[in-house]
Amino acid sequence: MLALLTKFWKLIPIQRLKNQWNRAWHANDALFESTTHLHKGAQILNLQKNKGQVRIGHNTHIRGELLVFAHGGEINIGNYCYVGEGTKIWSAKNIRIGNYVLIAHGVNIHDNISHPINAELRRKHTEQIIHQGHPKKDIELKEKEVLIMDDAWIGFNATVLRGVTIGRGAVIGACSVVTENVPDYAIVVGNPARIIGYANKQA
């Protein structure tokens, strides 16, 4: 009997079962396709409790964290994208990611400043988060849309800040801090990120 159970267990695609479990766990947090993969460690924190605010496309793999704030925010990720472990994508306005975008591990993408600049308001905001959770109104985090175009590659531990557009096929070097728009196919590195060349446009 044990041998039969062992043989049967080996036939079960474990990774598929884990993916189905993770998808079921996040069914009320996001809209995703039947081919979307939510890996172990993936988190979707939808503080608005409206799953239409997080959309994930076909054959996209999520290993990091997606968060939309209670007072606003929207995340749209296209098809055949990859979001690595430890990556955090936090939206209070709108973050749009195209198709075939490769986002490595430890990346931060934010369309807001997370807390008020004013110290008194920041103290109030911190108290609200601790005692009641993120506020649903009367909070302004200088939100500006982030747009990442098709075929972009964002290297590990890079940071993409609010208001930035990353062009098609652009390459963001590891540990770079992107504060300004990046042209199509540009290769940028550093803090703040600067252009050091252009990627070959041909596949």
N, C-alpha and C. Protein backbone atom coordinates (compact mmCIF):
# COMPACT_ATOMS: atom_id res chain seq x y z
N MET A 1 0.83 -1.21 0.00
CA MET A 1 0.00 0.00 0.00
C MET A 1 0.87 1.27 0.00
N LEU A 2 1.90 1.25 0.84
CA LEU A 2 2.81 2.39 0.92
C LEU A 2 3.49 2.64 -0.42
N ALA A 3 3.90 1.58 -1.09
CA ALA A 3 4.55 1.71 -2.39
C ALA A 3 3.59 2.33 -3.40
N LEU A 4 2.32 1.95 -3.36
CA LEU A 4 1.32 2.48 -4.27
C LEU A 4 1.10 3.97 -4.02
N LEU A 5 1.02 4.36 -2.74
CA LEU A 5 0.85 5.77 -2.40
C LEU A 5 2.06 6.60 -2.83
N THR A 6 3.25 6.05 -2.64
CA THR A 6 4.47 6.75 -3.04
C THR A 6 4.49 6.96 -4.54
N LYS A 7 4.12 5.92 -5.29
CA LYS A 7 4.07 6.02 -6.76
C LYS A 7 3.06 7.07 -7.18
N PHE A 8 1.89 7.08 -6.55
CA PHE A 8 0.85 8.06 -6.89
C PHE A 8 1.31 9.48 -6.58
N TRP A 9 1.97 9.64 -5.42
CA TRP A 9 2.44 10.97 -5.00
C TRP A 9 3.43 11.55 -6.00
N LYS A 10 4.29 10.67 -6.56
CA LYS A 10 5.28 11.12 -7.53
C LYS A 10 4.63 11.62 -8.82
N LEU A 11 3.42 11.13 -9.10
CA LEU A 11 2.72 11.53 -10.32
C LEU A 11 2.07 12.91 -10.19
N ILE A 12 1.91 13.37 -8.96
CA ILE A 12 1.24 14.66 -8.74
C ILE A 12 2.23 15.79 -9.00
N PRO A 13 1.90 16.72 -9.88
CA PRO A 13 2.80 17.86 -10.14
C PRO A 13 2.75 18.84 -8.95
N ILE A 14 3.73 18.70 -8.05
CA ILE A 14 3.73 19.44 -6.79
C ILE A 14 3.70 20.95 -7.02
N GLN A 15 4.50 21.42 -7.97
CA GLN A 15 4.56 22.86 -8.21
C GLN A 15 3.20 23.38 -8.67
N ARG A 16 2.50 22.59 -9.46
CA ARG A 16 1.17 23.01 -9.92
C ARG A 16 0.20 23.11 -8.74
N LEU A 17 0.29 22.15 -7.82
CA LEU A 17 -0.57 22.19 -6.64
C LEU A 17 -0.28 23.41 -5.78
N LYS A 18 1.02 23.73 -5.60
CA LYS A 18 1.39 24.89 -4.81
C LYS A 18 0.86 26.16 -5.46
N ASN A 19 0.98 26.24 -6.79
CA ASN A 19 0.50 27.41 -7.51
C ASN A 19 -1.01 27.56 -7.36
N GLN A 20 -1.73 26.45 -7.45
CA GLN A 20 -3.19 26.49 -7.31
C GLN A 20 -3.59 26.93 -5.90
N TRP A 21 -2.84 26.46 -4.91
CA TRP A 21 -3.11 26.87 -3.54
C TRP A 21 -2.90 28.37 -3.38
N ASN A 22 -1.77 28.88 -3.88
CA ASN A 22 -1.48 30.31 -3.77
C ASN A 22 -2.50 31.15 -4.51
N ARG A 23 -2.93 30.69 -5.67
CA ARG A 23 -3.95 31.41 -6.44
C ARG A 23 -5.27 31.44 -5.68
N ALA A 24 -5.63 30.31 -5.09
CA ALA A 24 -6.88 30.26 -4.31
C ALA A 24 -6.79 31.19 -3.10
N TRP A 25 -5.61 31.24 -2.47
CA TRP A 25 -5.42 32.09 -1.29
C TRP A 25 -5.60 33.56 -1.65
N HIS A 26 -5.17 33.96 -2.86
CA HIS A 26 -5.23 35.36 -3.29
C HIS A 26 -6.38 35.64 -4.25
N ALA A 27 -7.35 34.76 -4.31
CA ALA A 27 -8.44 34.90 -5.29
C ALA A 27 -9.21 36.20 -5.12
N ASN A 28 -9.29 36.72 -3.90
CA ASN A 28 -10.03 37.96 -3.66
C ASN A 28 -9.14 39.20 -3.68
N ASP A 29 -7.85 39.00 -3.94
CA ASP A 29 -6.91 40.11 -3.91
C ASP A 29 -6.52 40.63 -5.28
N ALA A 30 -6.72 39.81 -6.32
CA ALA A 30 -6.25 40.20 -7.65
C ALA A 30 -7.03 39.47 -8.73
N LEU A 31 -6.97 40.01 -9.94
CA LEU A 31 -7.48 39.33 -11.12
C LEU A 31 -6.28 38.77 -11.86
N PHE A 32 -6.26 37.46 -12.07
CA PHE A 32 -5.15 36.86 -12.79
C PHE A 32 -5.67 35.78 -13.73
N GLU A 33 -4.81 35.39 -14.66
CA GLU A 33 -5.19 34.43 -15.69
C GLU A 33 -4.94 33.00 -15.21
N SER A 34 -5.46 32.04 -15.95
CA SER A 34 -5.28 30.63 -15.57
C SER A 34 -3.82 30.21 -15.64
N THR A 35 -3.01 30.96 -16.40
CA THR A 35 -1.59 30.62 -16.54
C THR A 35 -0.69 31.50 -15.66
N THR A 36 -1.28 32.35 -14.84
CA THR A 36 -0.49 33.16 -13.90
C THR A 36 0.08 32.25 -12.81
N HIS A 37 1.35 32.47 -12.45
CA HIS A 37 2.00 31.66 -11.42
C HIS A 37 2.30 32.53 -10.20
N LEU A 38 1.71 32.17 -9.07
CA LEU A 38 2.02 32.81 -7.79
C LEU A 38 2.85 31.82 -6.98
N HIS A 39 4.13 32.06 -6.90
CA HIS A 39 5.05 31.13 -6.27
C HIS A 39 5.03 31.26 -4.75
N LYS A 40 5.64 30.29 -4.09
CA LYS A 40 5.81 30.36 -2.65
C LYS A 40 6.53 31.65 -2.30
N GLY A 41 6.00 32.37 -1.34
CA GLY A 41 6.59 33.65 -0.95
C GLY A 41 5.93 34.84 -1.62
N ALA A 42 5.18 34.62 -2.68
CA ALA A 42 4.46 35.72 -3.34
C ALA A 42 3.39 36.27 -2.40
N GLN A 43 3.26 37.59 -2.37
CA GLN A 43 2.24 38.23 -1.55
C GLN A 43 1.51 39.28 -2.36
N ILE A 44 0.19 39.30 -2.21
CA ILE A 44 -0.62 40.37 -2.78
C ILE A 44 -1.36 41.00 -1.62
N LEU A 45 -1.01 42.24 -1.32
CA LEU A 45 -1.62 42.97 -0.20
C LEU A 45 -2.52 44.05 -0.78
N ASN A 46 -3.78 43.73 -0.90
CA ASN A 46 -4.75 44.63 -1.51
C ASN A 46 -5.54 45.30 -0.39
N LEU A 47 -5.07 46.45 0.05
CA LEU A 47 -5.69 47.13 1.19
C LEU A 47 -7.04 47.76 0.83
N GLN A 48 -7.35 47.81 -0.46
CA GLN A 48 -8.65 48.34 -0.90
C GLN A 48 -9.73 47.26 -0.92
N LYS A 49 -9.30 46.00 -0.86
CA LYS A 49 -10.23 44.87 -0.91
C LYS A 49 -11.05 44.88 -2.21
N ASN A 50 -10.43 45.36 -3.28
CA ASN A 50 -11.06 45.38 -4.60
C ASN A 50 -10.10 44.72 -5.57
N LYS A 51 -10.37 43.46 -5.92
CA LYS A 51 -9.40 42.70 -6.69
C LYS A 51 -9.15 43.26 -8.08
N GLY A 52 -10.05 44.12 -8.57
CA GLY A 52 -9.83 44.75 -9.86
C GLY A 52 -8.69 45.74 -9.87
N GLN A 53 -8.15 46.08 -8.70
CA GLN A 53 -7.04 47.04 -8.62
C GLN A 53 -5.68 46.38 -8.83
N VAL A 54 -5.65 45.05 -8.87
CA VAL A 54 -4.40 44.33 -9.16
C VAL A 54 -4.71 43.33 -10.27
N ARG A 55 -4.02 43.48 -11.41
CA ARG A 55 -4.25 42.60 -12.56
C ARG A 55 -2.92 42.02 -13.02
N ILE A 56 -2.91 40.70 -13.24
CA ILE A 56 -1.69 40.00 -13.62
C ILE A 56 -1.98 39.15 -14.85
N GLY A 57 -1.11 39.26 -15.86
CA GLY A 57 -1.37 38.65 -17.16
C GLY A 57 -0.96 37.19 -17.30
N HIS A 58 -1.09 36.71 -18.54
CA HIS A 58 -0.80 35.32 -18.90
C HIS A 58 0.68 34.98 -18.68
N ASN A 59 0.91 33.79 -18.15
CA ASN A 59 2.26 33.25 -18.00
C ASN A 59 3.22 34.16 -17.26
N THR A 60 2.69 34.99 -16.40
CA THR A 60 3.52 35.85 -15.57
C THR A 60 3.78 35.16 -14.24
N HIS A 61 5.02 35.26 -13.75
CA HIS A 61 5.44 34.61 -12.51
C HIS A 61 5.72 35.66 -11.45
N ILE A 62 5.05 35.52 -10.31
CA ILE A 62 5.22 36.45 -9.20
C ILE A 62 5.85 35.72 -8.03
N ARG A 63 7.00 36.23 -7.57
CA ARG A 63 7.65 35.71 -6.37
C ARG A 63 7.76 36.78 -5.28
N GLY A 64 7.53 38.03 -5.63
CA GLY A 64 7.67 39.13 -4.70
C GLY A 64 6.33 39.60 -4.14
N GLU A 65 6.28 40.89 -3.77
CA GLU A 65 5.12 41.46 -3.09
C GLU A 65 4.50 42.57 -3.91
N LEU A 66 3.18 42.50 -4.08
CA LEU A 66 2.41 43.56 -4.72
C LEU A 66 1.50 44.17 -3.67
N LEU A 67 1.50 45.51 -3.56
CA LEU A 67 0.68 46.18 -2.55
C LEU A 67 0.00 47.38 -3.15
N VAL A 68 -1.31 47.51 -2.92
CA VAL A 68 -2.03 48.73 -3.24
C VAL A 68 -2.55 49.32 -1.93
N PHE A 69 -2.33 50.63 -1.77
CA PHE A 69 -2.70 51.31 -0.54
C PHE A 69 -4.22 51.38 -0.38
N ALA A 70 -4.67 51.62 0.85
CA ALA A 70 -6.10 51.67 1.14
C ALA A 70 -6.78 52.86 0.48
N HIS A 71 -6.08 53.99 0.36
CA HIS A 71 -6.71 55.20 -0.18
C HIS A 71 -6.64 55.27 -1.70
N GLY A 72 -5.87 54.40 -2.33
CA GLY A 72 -5.76 54.41 -3.79
C GLY A 72 -4.60 53.56 -4.24
N GLY A 73 -4.57 53.31 -5.53
CA GLY A 73 -3.49 52.52 -6.10
C GLY A 73 -4.01 51.45 -7.03
N GLU A 74 -3.19 51.16 -8.05
CA GLU A 74 -3.55 50.15 -9.04
C GLU A 74 -2.26 49.58 -9.61
N ILE A 75 -2.21 48.26 -9.77
CA ILE A 75 -1.06 47.59 -10.36
C ILE A 75 -1.56 46.73 -11.51
N ASN A 76 -0.97 46.96 -12.68
CA ASN A 76 -1.28 46.15 -13.86
C ASN A 76 0.02 45.57 -14.40
N ILE A 77 0.12 44.25 -14.46
CA ILE A 77 1.31 43.56 -14.95
C ILE A 77 0.89 42.74 -16.16
N GLY A 78 1.65 42.87 -17.25
CA GLY A 78 1.30 42.22 -18.51
C GLY A 78 1.62 40.74 -18.56
N ASN A 79 1.78 40.24 -19.77
CA ASN A 79 2.00 38.83 -20.02
C ASN A 79 3.50 38.50 -20.04
N TYR A 80 3.83 37.28 -19.65
CA TYR A 80 5.20 36.77 -19.69
C TYR A 80 6.18 37.68 -18.93
N CYS A 81 5.75 38.15 -17.77
CA CYS A 81 6.63 38.94 -16.90
C CYS A 81 7.14 38.06 -15.76
N TYR A 82 8.19 38.55 -15.11
CA TYR A 82 8.75 37.86 -13.96
C TYR A 82 9.05 38.88 -12.88
N VAL A 83 8.58 38.61 -11.66
CA VAL A 83 8.84 39.47 -10.51
C VAL A 83 9.56 38.63 -9.47
N GLY A 84 10.83 38.95 -9.20
CA GLY A 84 11.69 38.12 -8.37
C GLY A 84 11.42 38.20 -6.89
N GLU A 85 12.09 37.30 -6.16
CA GLU A 85 11.95 37.23 -4.71
C GLU A 85 12.38 38.53 -4.05
N GLY A 86 11.63 38.92 -3.04
CA GLY A 86 11.97 40.10 -2.26
C GLY A 86 11.67 41.41 -2.95
N THR A 87 11.17 41.37 -4.16
CA THR A 87 10.79 42.60 -4.87
C THR A 87 9.49 43.14 -4.29
N LYS A 88 9.41 44.46 -4.16
CA LYS A 88 8.20 45.11 -3.64
C LYS A 88 7.72 46.13 -4.67
N ILE A 89 6.48 45.98 -5.08
CA ILE A 89 5.82 46.91 -5.99
C ILE A 89 4.64 47.50 -5.24
N TRP A 90 4.77 48.76 -4.83
CA TRP A 90 3.76 49.41 -3.98
C TRP A 90 3.13 50.58 -4.73
N SER A 91 1.81 50.56 -4.81
CA SER A 91 1.11 51.60 -5.56
C SER A 91 0.07 52.32 -4.71
N ALA A 92 0.12 53.67 -4.81
CA ALA A 92 -0.94 54.51 -4.26
C ALA A 92 -1.65 55.26 -5.39
N LYS A 93 -1.17 55.08 -6.63
CA LYS A 93 -1.79 55.72 -7.80
C LYS A 93 -1.95 54.71 -8.93
N ASN A 94 -0.84 54.46 -9.66
CA ASN A 94 -0.93 53.54 -10.79
C ASN A 94 0.46 53.09 -11.21
N ILE A 95 0.70 51.80 -11.21
CA ILE A 95 1.92 51.22 -11.74
C ILE A 95 1.52 50.26 -12.86
N ARG A 96 2.02 50.55 -14.06
CA ARG A 96 1.70 49.73 -15.22
C ARG A 96 2.98 49.11 -15.76
N ILE A 97 2.96 47.80 -15.89
CA ILE A 97 4.11 47.05 -16.37
C ILE A 97 3.68 46.30 -17.62
N GLY A 98 4.43 46.47 -18.70
CA GLY A 98 4.07 45.87 -19.99
C GLY A 98 4.29 44.38 -20.05
N ASN A 99 4.53 43.87 -21.25
CA ASN A 99 4.74 42.45 -21.48
C ASN A 99 6.23 42.13 -21.53
N TYR A 100 6.58 40.91 -21.16
CA TYR A 100 7.96 40.43 -21.22
C TYR A 100 8.92 41.32 -20.43
N VAL A 101 8.45 41.80 -19.30
CA VAL A 101 9.30 42.61 -18.41
C VAL A 101 9.93 41.70 -17.37
N LEU A 102 11.25 41.78 -17.24
CA LEU A 102 11.99 40.96 -16.29
C LEU A 102 12.42 41.83 -15.11
N ILE A 103 11.89 41.52 -13.94
CA ILE A 103 12.21 42.26 -12.72
C ILE A 103 12.90 41.30 -11.77
N ALA A 104 14.16 41.56 -11.48
CA ALA A 104 14.97 40.65 -10.67
C ALA A 104 14.56 40.70 -9.20
N HIS A 105 15.37 40.07 -8.35
CA HIS A 105 15.07 40.01 -6.92
C HIS A 105 15.50 41.31 -6.22
N GLY A 106 14.79 41.62 -5.14
CA GLY A 106 15.14 42.77 -4.31
C GLY A 106 14.89 44.12 -4.93
N VAL A 107 14.07 44.20 -5.94
CA VAL A 107 13.75 45.47 -6.61
C VAL A 107 12.64 46.19 -5.85
N ASN A 108 12.70 47.53 -5.81
CA ASN A 108 11.62 48.34 -5.26
C ASN A 108 11.06 49.25 -6.34
N ILE A 109 9.74 49.21 -6.52
CA ILE A 109 9.05 50.08 -7.48
C ILE A 109 7.91 50.75 -6.73
N HIS A 110 7.96 52.09 -6.64
CA HIS A 110 6.98 52.83 -5.85
C HIS A 110 6.49 54.05 -6.63
N ASP A 111 5.19 54.27 -6.63
CA ASP A 111 4.64 55.46 -7.29
C ASP A 111 4.27 56.54 -6.26
N ASN A 112 4.86 56.46 -5.07
CA ASN A 112 4.52 57.38 -3.99
C ASN A 112 5.70 57.45 -3.02
N ILE A 113 5.60 58.33 -2.01
CA ILE A 113 6.69 58.49 -1.06
C ILE A 113 6.45 57.73 0.25
N SER A 114 5.35 56.98 0.32
CA SER A 114 5.00 56.09 1.45
C SER A 114 4.52 56.80 2.72
N HIS A 115 5.09 57.95 3.06
CA HIS A 115 4.70 58.70 4.26
C HIS A 115 4.80 60.20 3.96
N PRO A 116 4.04 61.02 4.67
CA PRO A 116 4.14 62.47 4.47
C PRO A 116 5.53 63.01 4.80
N ILE A 117 5.93 64.07 4.10
CA ILE A 117 7.22 64.74 4.37
C ILE A 117 7.18 65.46 5.71
N ASN A 118 6.07 66.14 5.99
CA ASN A 118 5.92 66.90 7.22
C ASN A 118 5.97 65.97 8.43
N ALA A 119 6.84 66.29 9.40
CA ALA A 119 7.06 65.40 10.54
C ALA A 119 5.80 65.18 11.36
N GLU A 120 5.01 66.23 11.57
CA GLU A 120 3.79 66.10 12.37
C GLU A 120 2.78 65.20 11.67
N LEU A 121 2.63 65.40 10.35
CA LEU A 121 1.71 64.55 9.59
C LEU A 121 2.22 63.10 9.52
N ARG A 122 3.54 62.97 9.44
CA ARG A 122 4.12 61.63 9.39
C ARG A 122 3.88 60.88 10.70
N ARG A 123 3.97 61.61 11.82
CA ARG A 123 3.70 61.00 13.12
C ARG A 123 2.25 60.52 13.17
N LYS A 124 1.33 61.37 12.71
CA LYS A 124 -0.09 61.01 12.70
C LYS A 124 -0.32 59.79 11.80
N HIS A 125 0.33 59.79 10.64
CA HIS A 125 0.19 58.68 9.70
C HIS A 125 0.69 57.37 10.33
N THR A 126 1.82 57.44 11.01
CA THR A 126 2.38 56.26 11.66
C THR A 126 1.43 55.72 12.72
N GLU A 127 0.84 56.62 13.51
CA GLU A 127 -0.12 56.18 14.54
C GLU A 127 -1.33 55.52 13.90
N GLN A 128 -1.81 56.09 12.78
CA GLN A 128 -2.95 55.49 12.10
C GLN A 128 -2.64 54.08 11.63
N ILE A 129 -1.47 53.90 11.02
CA ILE A 129 -1.09 52.58 10.52
C ILE A 129 -1.02 51.57 11.66
N ILE A 130 -0.42 51.98 12.78
CA ILE A 130 -0.24 51.06 13.91
C ILE A 130 -1.57 50.70 14.56
N HIS A 131 -2.45 51.69 14.74
CA HIS A 131 -3.68 51.46 15.52
C HIS A 131 -4.90 51.08 14.68
N GLN A 132 -5.00 51.62 13.45
CA GLN A 132 -6.19 51.34 12.64
C GLN A 132 -5.89 50.73 11.28
N GLY A 133 -4.64 50.70 10.89
CA GLY A 133 -4.31 50.28 9.53
C GLY A 133 -4.15 51.49 8.63
N HIS A 134 -3.74 51.25 7.40
CA HIS A 134 -3.52 52.35 6.47
C HIS A 134 -4.81 53.15 6.25
N PRO A 135 -4.71 54.48 6.30
CA PRO A 135 -5.92 55.31 6.15
C PRO A 135 -6.50 55.22 4.74
N LYS A 136 -7.82 55.31 4.68
CA LYS A 136 -8.52 55.22 3.39
C LYS A 136 -8.79 56.59 2.78
N LYS A 137 -8.54 57.65 3.52
CA LYS A 137 -8.77 59.00 2.99
C LYS A 137 -7.90 59.99 3.76
N ASP A 138 -7.90 61.23 3.28
CA ASP A 138 -7.16 62.32 3.92
C ASP A 138 -5.68 62.02 4.06
N ILE A 139 -5.12 61.41 3.01
CA ILE A 139 -3.68 61.16 2.98
C ILE A 139 -3.17 61.48 1.58
N GLU A 140 -2.07 62.18 1.52
CA GLU A 140 -1.49 62.57 0.23
C GLU A 140 -0.02 62.21 0.25
N LEU A 141 0.37 61.31 -0.66
CA LEU A 141 1.72 60.77 -0.68
C LEU A 141 2.47 61.15 -1.96
N LYS A 142 2.10 62.30 -2.53
CA LYS A 142 2.76 62.81 -3.74
C LYS A 142 2.83 61.75 -4.84
N GLU A 143 1.72 61.10 -5.08
CA GLU A 143 1.65 59.99 -6.02
C GLU A 143 1.86 60.45 -7.47
N LYS A 144 2.64 59.67 -8.21
CA LYS A 144 2.84 59.89 -9.65
C LYS A 144 2.98 58.53 -10.32
N GLU A 145 2.29 58.37 -11.43
CA GLU A 145 2.24 57.09 -12.14
C GLU A 145 3.64 56.60 -12.54
N VAL A 146 3.83 55.29 -12.47
CA VAL A 146 5.04 54.63 -12.97
C VAL A 146 4.63 53.74 -14.14
N LEU A 147 5.39 53.85 -15.23
CA LEU A 147 5.12 53.06 -16.44
C LEU A 147 6.39 52.35 -16.85
N ILE A 148 6.32 51.03 -16.98
CA ILE A 148 7.45 50.22 -17.43
C ILE A 148 7.03 49.52 -18.72
N MET A 149 7.70 49.85 -19.81
CA MET A 149 7.29 49.38 -21.13
C MET A 149 7.76 47.96 -21.39
N ASP A 150 7.25 47.38 -22.48
CA ASP A 150 7.57 46.00 -22.86
C ASP A 150 9.08 45.76 -22.93
N ASP A 151 9.47 44.56 -22.57
CA ASP A 151 10.84 44.05 -22.76
C ASP A 151 11.89 44.73 -21.90
N ALA A 152 11.49 45.52 -20.93
CA ALA A 152 12.47 46.13 -20.02
C ALA A 152 13.02 45.07 -19.07
N TRP A 153 14.23 45.33 -18.59
CA TRP A 153 14.89 44.44 -17.63
C TRP A 153 15.39 45.30 -16.48
N ILE A 154 14.94 44.99 -15.27
CA ILE A 154 15.35 45.73 -14.08
C ILE A 154 16.19 44.83 -13.21
N GLY A 155 17.46 45.20 -13.04
CA GLY A 155 18.41 44.36 -12.32
C GLY A 155 18.17 44.32 -10.82
N PHE A 156 18.82 43.38 -10.16
CA PHE A 156 18.58 43.14 -8.73
C PHE A 156 18.90 44.37 -7.88
N ASN A 157 18.07 44.55 -6.86
CA ASN A 157 18.22 45.62 -5.87
C ASN A 157 18.10 47.03 -6.45
N ALA A 158 17.59 47.15 -7.66
CA ALA A 158 17.35 48.48 -8.23
C ALA A 158 16.10 49.09 -7.61
N THR A 159 16.01 50.42 -7.67
CA THR A 159 14.84 51.14 -7.17
C THR A 159 14.31 52.05 -8.27
N VAL A 160 13.01 51.96 -8.50
CA VAL A 160 12.33 52.82 -9.48
C VAL A 160 11.36 53.71 -8.71
N LEU A 161 11.56 55.02 -8.78
CA LEU A 161 10.77 55.94 -7.98
C LEU A 161 9.61 56.55 -8.77
N ARG A 162 8.75 57.23 -8.06
CA ARG A 162 7.48 57.75 -8.60
C ARG A 162 7.69 58.65 -9.82
N GLY A 163 6.71 58.58 -10.72
CA GLY A 163 6.72 59.46 -11.89
C GLY A 163 7.61 59.02 -13.02
N VAL A 164 8.26 57.87 -12.90
CA VAL A 164 9.24 57.43 -13.89
C VAL A 164 8.57 56.57 -14.97
N THR A 165 9.00 56.79 -16.22
CA THR A 165 8.68 55.89 -17.32
C THR A 165 9.96 55.21 -17.77
N ILE A 166 9.95 53.90 -17.81
CA ILE A 166 11.09 53.14 -18.31
C ILE A 166 10.72 52.64 -19.70
N GLY A 167 11.51 53.02 -20.69
CA GLY A 167 11.18 52.75 -22.08
C GLY A 167 11.30 51.29 -22.47
N ARG A 168 10.80 51.00 -23.62
CA ARG A 168 10.81 49.65 -24.18
C ARG A 168 12.25 49.13 -24.30
N GLY A 169 12.46 47.91 -23.82
CA GLY A 169 13.75 47.27 -23.97
C GLY A 169 14.87 47.86 -23.15
N ALA A 170 14.57 48.79 -22.26
CA ALA A 170 15.60 49.42 -21.44
C ALA A 170 16.16 48.43 -20.43
N VAL A 171 17.41 48.68 -20.00
CA VAL A 171 18.07 47.84 -19.01
C VAL A 171 18.48 48.72 -17.83
N ILE A 172 18.00 48.35 -16.65
CA ILE A 172 18.33 49.07 -15.42
C ILE A 172 19.35 48.25 -14.66
N GLY A 173 20.55 48.77 -14.49
CA GLY A 173 21.62 48.04 -13.85
C GLY A 173 21.33 47.73 -12.39
N ALA A 174 21.97 46.69 -11.89
CA ALA A 174 21.80 46.28 -10.49
C ALA A 174 22.10 47.43 -9.55
N CYS A 175 21.27 47.58 -8.53
CA CYS A 175 21.44 48.57 -7.45
C CYS A 175 21.27 50.02 -7.92
N SER A 176 20.79 50.23 -9.12
CA SER A 176 20.56 51.60 -9.62
C SER A 176 19.34 52.21 -8.96
N VAL A 177 19.32 53.54 -8.88
CA VAL A 177 18.17 54.29 -8.38
C VAL A 177 17.68 55.17 -9.52
N VAL A 178 16.49 54.86 -10.01
CA VAL A 178 15.95 55.55 -11.19
C VAL A 178 15.00 56.64 -10.73
N THR A 179 15.37 57.88 -11.01
CA THR A 179 14.57 59.04 -10.60
C THR A 179 14.00 59.81 -11.78
N GLU A 180 14.47 59.49 -13.00
CA GLU A 180 14.01 60.19 -14.20
C GLU A 180 13.68 59.16 -15.28
N ASN A 181 12.95 59.62 -16.30
CA ASN A 181 12.56 58.73 -17.39
C ASN A 181 13.77 58.12 -18.07
N VAL A 182 13.61 56.88 -18.51
CA VAL A 182 14.66 56.15 -19.21
C VAL A 182 14.18 55.91 -20.64
N PRO A 183 14.96 56.35 -21.65
CA PRO A 183 14.53 56.17 -23.05
C PRO A 183 14.49 54.70 -23.46
N ASP A 184 13.81 54.42 -24.55
CA ASP A 184 13.77 53.07 -25.11
C ASP A 184 15.19 52.54 -25.29
N TYR A 185 15.41 51.31 -24.89
CA TYR A 185 16.65 50.56 -25.09
C TYR A 185 17.88 51.14 -24.39
N ALA A 186 17.69 52.16 -23.57
CA ALA A 186 18.83 52.72 -22.84
C ALA A 186 19.30 51.76 -21.75
N ILE A 187 20.59 51.76 -21.49
CA ILE A 187 21.18 51.03 -20.37
C ILE A 187 21.60 52.06 -19.34
N VAL A 188 21.06 51.96 -18.13
CA VAL A 188 21.38 52.94 -17.10
C VAL A 188 21.94 52.26 -15.86
N VAL A 189 22.84 52.96 -15.18
CA VAL A 189 23.42 52.44 -13.94
C VAL A 189 23.64 53.60 -12.97
N GLY A 190 23.78 53.29 -11.69
CA GLY A 190 24.20 54.27 -10.71
C GLY A 190 23.08 54.88 -9.90
N ASN A 191 23.47 55.79 -9.01
CA ASN A 191 22.55 56.52 -8.14
C ASN A 191 22.96 58.00 -8.11
N PRO A 192 22.18 58.85 -8.79
CA PRO A 192 21.02 58.51 -9.63
C PRO A 192 21.46 57.84 -10.93
N ALA A 193 20.56 57.06 -11.51
CA ALA A 193 20.89 56.30 -12.71
C ALA A 193 21.22 57.23 -13.87
N ARG A 194 22.25 56.86 -14.65
CA ARG A 194 22.64 57.63 -15.82
C ARG A 194 22.83 56.67 -16.99
N ILE A 195 22.68 57.17 -18.20
CA ILE A 195 22.79 56.34 -19.40
C ILE A 195 24.26 56.06 -19.70
N ILE A 196 24.56 54.78 -19.89
CA ILE A 196 25.93 54.41 -20.28
C ILE A 196 25.98 53.77 -21.66
N GLY A 197 24.83 53.57 -22.28
CA GLY A 197 24.80 52.96 -23.60
C GLY A 197 23.39 52.57 -23.98
N TYR A 198 23.28 51.86 -25.09
CA TYR A 198 21.97 51.41 -25.57
C TYR A 198 22.04 49.94 -25.93
N ALA A 199 20.99 49.21 -25.58
CA ALA A 199 20.92 47.78 -25.86
C ALA A 199 20.62 47.56 -27.35
N ASN A 200 21.08 46.43 -27.85
CA ASN A 200 20.79 46.05 -29.23
C ASN A 200 19.29 45.86 -29.37
N LYS A 201 18.70 46.52 -30.36
CA LYS A 201 17.25 46.44 -30.54
C LYS A 201 16.80 45.11 -31.15
N GLN A 202 17.74 44.36 -31.70
CA GLN A 202 17.39 43.09 -32.32
C GLN A 202 17.42 41.98 -31.27
N ALA A 203 16.51 41.03 -31.43
CA ALA A 203 16.47 39.89 -30.50
C ALA A 203 17.68 39.00 -30.69
